[in-house]
Amino acid sequence: DTNVSGLDKIAKLDIVPSTSLDTQVTDYKNSNLILVGTISNNRLVAEFLGVDYSESKGKSCFEKGEAKIILMKNNDKIALIVTGYSSDDIKRAGNILRYYENNKDKLKGYEVTV
C-alpha cells in the first residue's frame, strides 16, 4: 500500500525545502520529498512509480497531455510527486499546486490527474 494513511487529501504544507537534483540525493528514504520530473529524467520519480530508470529513456507512463500529482509513503515520511508526459504537462500540474487556494477542490485523494 503506497497511500499515506490518515491523510484524506493533498493539502498545502508549510515547509522550507532544500533543492537537489535526483543524482545528488543519497538518503531519500529518510526524507520528506517533493519530486518533479518524468520517469526518463528523474530516477527517483521512476523508482517511486515502479519503473526501471535504466530502461525508461524516451518512455512515458502517461498519455500525451496528461500529468499527475501523487502522494505516496516514503517509509515513515511522505513523497509528493509531480510528473507527466512532458515538461509542459508537469508545469501545468505544478501550477495547480502553486495556486493551491484556487485549486484545492481538485486535490482529493492520493493521486490526481490534471
C-alpha atoms as a PDB file:
ATOM      1  CA  ASP A   1       0.000   0.000   0.000  1.00  0.00           C
ATOM      2  CA  THR A   2       1.629   3.236  -1.118  1.00  0.00           C
ATOM      3  CA  ASN A   3      -1.115   5.565   0.126  1.00  0.00           C
ATOM      4  CA  VAL A   4      -0.495   7.691   3.165  1.00  0.00           C
ATOM      5  CA  SER A   5      -2.868   6.502   5.871  1.00  0.00           C
ATOM      6  CA  GLY A   6      -4.529   9.220   7.887  1.00  0.00           C
ATOM      7  CA  LEU A   7      -4.489  11.762   5.076  1.00  0.00           C
ATOM      8  CA  ASP A   8      -7.660  12.276   3.092  1.00  0.00           C
ATOM      9  CA  LYS A   9      -6.387  14.761   0.532  1.00  0.00           C
ATOM     10  CA  ILE A  10      -3.358  16.528  -0.800  1.00  0.00           C
ATOM     11  CA  ALA A  11      -3.005  19.619   1.364  1.00  0.00           C
ATOM     12  CA  LYS A  12      -0.833  22.703   1.416  1.00  0.00           C
ATOM     13  CA  LEU A  13       2.255  22.203   3.565  1.00  0.00           C
ATOM     14  CA  ASP A  14       4.307  24.938   5.206  1.00  0.00           C
ATOM     15  CA  ILE A  15       7.892  23.771   4.712  1.00  0.00           C
ATOM     16  CA  VAL A  16      11.307  25.142   3.907  1.00  0.00           C
ATOM     17  CA  PRO A  17      12.732  22.663   1.378  1.00  0.00           C
ATOM     18  CA  SER A  18      16.242  22.205   0.151  1.00  0.00           C
ATOM     19  CA  THR A  19      16.661  21.700  -3.568  1.00  0.00           C
ATOM     20  CA  SER A  20      18.680  18.829  -5.036  1.00  0.00           C
ATOM     21  CA  LEU A  21      18.968  17.008  -8.322  1.00  0.00           C
ATOM     22  CA  ASP A  22      17.877  13.380  -8.200  1.00  0.00           C
ATOM     23  CA  THR A  23      21.513  12.378  -8.711  1.00  0.00           C
ATOM     24  CA  GLN A  24      22.538  14.334  -5.592  1.00  0.00           C
ATOM     25  CA  VAL A  25      20.102  12.606  -3.238  1.00  0.00           C
ATOM     26  CA  THR A  26      21.583   9.651  -1.375  1.00  0.00           C
ATOM     27  CA  ASP A  27      19.392   9.094   1.711  1.00  0.00           C
ATOM     28  CA  TYR A  28      15.963   9.710   0.235  1.00  0.00           C
ATOM     29  CA  LYS A  29      14.192   7.014   2.267  1.00  0.00           C
ATOM     30  CA  ASN A  30      14.557   9.111   5.412  1.00  0.00           C
ATOM     31  CA  SER A  31      13.252  12.373   3.978  1.00  0.00           C
ATOM     32  CA  ASN A  32      10.020  14.039   3.014  1.00  0.00           C
ATOM     33  CA  LEU A  33      10.316  14.581  -0.728  1.00  0.00           C
ATOM     34  CA  ILE A  34       8.860  16.709  -3.469  1.00  0.00           C
ATOM     35  CA  LEU A  35       9.822  15.021  -6.734  1.00  0.00           C
ATOM     36  CA  VAL A  36       9.353  16.773 -10.066  1.00  0.00           C
ATOM     37  CA  GLY A  37      10.047  15.227 -13.447  1.00  0.00           C
ATOM     38  CA  THR A  38       9.358  12.305 -15.734  1.00  0.00           C
ATOM     39  CA  ILE A  39      10.363   8.661 -15.416  1.00  0.00           C
ATOM     40  CA  SER A  40      13.049   9.248 -18.023  1.00  0.00           C
ATOM     41  CA  ASN A  41      14.640  12.362 -16.484  1.00  0.00           C
ATOM     42  CA  ASN A  42      14.336  11.735 -12.737  1.00  0.00           C
ATOM     43  CA  ARG A  43      15.481   8.386 -11.315  1.00  0.00           C
ATOM     44  CA  LEU A  44      13.541   8.923  -8.078  1.00  0.00           C
ATOM     45  CA  VAL A  45      10.273   9.555  -9.938  1.00  0.00           C
ATOM     46  CA  ALA A  46      10.903   6.334 -11.874  1.00  0.00           C
ATOM     47  CA  GLU A  47      11.644   4.375  -8.710  1.00  0.00           C
ATOM     48  CA  PHE A  48       8.550   5.594  -6.859  1.00  0.00           C
ATOM     49  CA  LEU A  49       6.395   4.750  -9.890  1.00  0.00           C
ATOM     50  CA  GLY A  50       7.918   1.270 -10.124  1.00  0.00           C
ATOM     51  CA  VAL A  51       9.772   1.838 -13.394  1.00  0.00           C
ATOM     52  CA  ASP A  52      13.332   0.735 -14.122  1.00  0.00           C
ATOM     53  CA  TYR A  53      15.099   4.046 -14.741  1.00  0.00           C
ATOM     54  CA  SER A  54      17.812   2.413 -16.834  1.00  0.00           C
ATOM     55  CA  GLU A  55      15.147   1.291 -19.333  1.00  0.00           C
ATOM     56  CA  SER A  56      12.987   4.428 -19.235  1.00  0.00           C
ATOM     57  CA  LYS A  57      14.763   6.765 -21.675  1.00  0.00           C
ATOM     58  CA  GLY A  58      12.259   8.082 -24.185  1.00  0.00           C
ATOM     59  CA  LYS A  59       9.349   6.316 -22.476  1.00  0.00           C
ATOM     60  CA  SER A  60       6.379   7.581 -20.501  1.00  0.00           C
ATOM     61  CA  CYS A  61       3.748   6.155 -18.157  1.00  0.00           C
ATOM     62  CA  PHE A  62       1.289   8.789 -19.343  1.00  0.00           C
ATOM     63  CA  GLU A  63      -0.763   9.735 -22.346  1.00  0.00           C
ATOM     64  CA  LYS A  64       0.139  12.889 -24.249  1.00  0.00           C
ATOM     65  CA  GLY A  65      -1.208  15.892 -22.326  1.00  0.00           C
ATOM     66  CA  GLU A  66      -1.504  14.010 -19.016  1.00  0.00           C
ATOM     67  CA  ALA A  67       0.080  14.938 -15.697  1.00  0.00           C
ATOM     68  CA  LYS A  68      -0.335  13.627 -12.167  1.00  0.00           C
ATOM     69  CA  ILE A  69       0.155  14.823  -8.637  1.00  0.00           C
ATOM     70  CA  ILE A  70       0.751  11.801  -6.409  1.00  0.00           C
ATOM     71  CA  LEU A  71       1.139  11.495  -2.642  1.00  0.00           C
ATOM     72  CA  MET A  72       2.971   8.332  -1.514  1.00  0.00           C
ATOM     73  CA  LYS A  73       4.535   6.808   1.567  1.00  0.00           C
ATOM     74  CA  ASN A  74       8.295   7.016   1.836  1.00  0.00           C
ATOM     75  CA  ASN A  75       8.902   4.793   4.876  1.00  0.00           C
ATOM     76  CA  ASP A  76       7.673   6.986   7.727  1.00  0.00           C
ATOM     77  CA  LYS A  77       7.937  10.091   5.517  1.00  0.00           C
ATOM     78  CA  ILE A  78       5.943  11.353   2.532  1.00  0.00           C
ATOM     79  CA  ALA A  79       6.797  11.824  -1.147  1.00  0.00           C
ATOM     80  CA  LEU A  80       4.824  14.297  -3.259  1.00  0.00           C
ATOM     81  CA  ILE A  81       5.387  13.531  -6.934  1.00  0.00           C
ATOM     82  CA  VAL A  82       4.611  15.946  -9.768  1.00  0.00           C
ATOM     83  CA  THR A  83       5.015  14.115 -13.051  1.00  0.00           C
ATOM     84  CA  GLY A  84       3.564  13.770 -16.503  1.00  0.00           C
ATOM     85  CA  TYR A  85       4.074  13.142 -20.173  1.00  0.00           C
ATOM     86  CA  SER A  86       6.024  16.319 -20.953  1.00  0.00           C
ATOM     87  CA  SER A  87       7.569  19.321 -19.227  1.00  0.00           C
ATOM     88  CA  ASP A  88       4.540  21.427 -20.216  1.00  0.00           C
ATOM     89  CA  ASP A  89       2.241  18.889 -18.558  1.00  0.00           C
ATOM     90  CA  ILE A  90       4.393  18.914 -15.413  1.00  0.00           C
ATOM     91  CA  LYS A  91       4.349  22.727 -15.332  1.00  0.00           C
ATOM     92  CA  ARG A  92       0.555  22.625 -15.526  1.00  0.00           C
ATOM     93  CA  ALA A  93       0.429  20.241 -12.558  1.00  0.00           C
ATOM     94  CA  GLY A  94       2.911  22.429 -10.682  1.00  0.00           C
ATOM     95  CA  ASN A  95       0.658  25.437 -11.213  1.00  0.00           C
ATOM     96  CA  ILE A  96      -2.232  23.513  -9.661  1.00  0.00           C
ATOM     97  CA  LEU A  97      -0.094  23.256  -6.516  1.00  0.00           C
ATOM     98  CA  ARG A  98       1.239  26.796  -6.825  1.00  0.00           C
ATOM     99  CA  TYR A  99      -2.281  28.189  -6.837  1.00  0.00           C
ATOM    100  CA  TYR A 100      -3.488  25.747  -4.192  1.00  0.00           C
ATOM    101  CA  GLU A 101      -6.197  28.026  -2.771  1.00  0.00           C
ATOM    102  CA  ASN A 102      -7.849  28.269  -6.202  1.00  0.00           C
ATOM    103  CA  ASN A 103      -7.493  24.531  -6.885  1.00  0.00           C
ATOM    104  CA  LYS A 104      -7.959  22.758  -3.550  1.00  0.00           C
ATOM    105  CA  ASP A 105     -11.305  21.336  -4.700  1.00  0.00           C
ATOM    106  CA  LYS A 106      -9.393  19.446  -7.445  1.00  0.00           C
ATOM    107  CA  LEU A 107      -6.916  17.926  -4.979  1.00  0.00           C
ATOM    108  CA  LYS A 108      -8.775  14.987  -3.456  1.00  0.00           C
ATOM    109  CA  GLY A 109      -7.235  11.638  -2.602  1.00  0.00           C
ATOM    110  CA  TYR A 110      -3.692  10.383  -3.097  1.00  0.00           C
ATOM    111  CA  GLU A 111      -3.469  10.752  -6.884  1.00  0.00           C
ATOM    112  CA  VAL A 112      -4.880  13.474  -9.091  1.00  0.00           C
ATOM    113  CA  THR A 113      -4.742  13.577 -12.892  1.00  0.00           C
ATOM    114  CA  VAL A 114      -4.604  17.082 -14.332  1.00  0.00           C
END
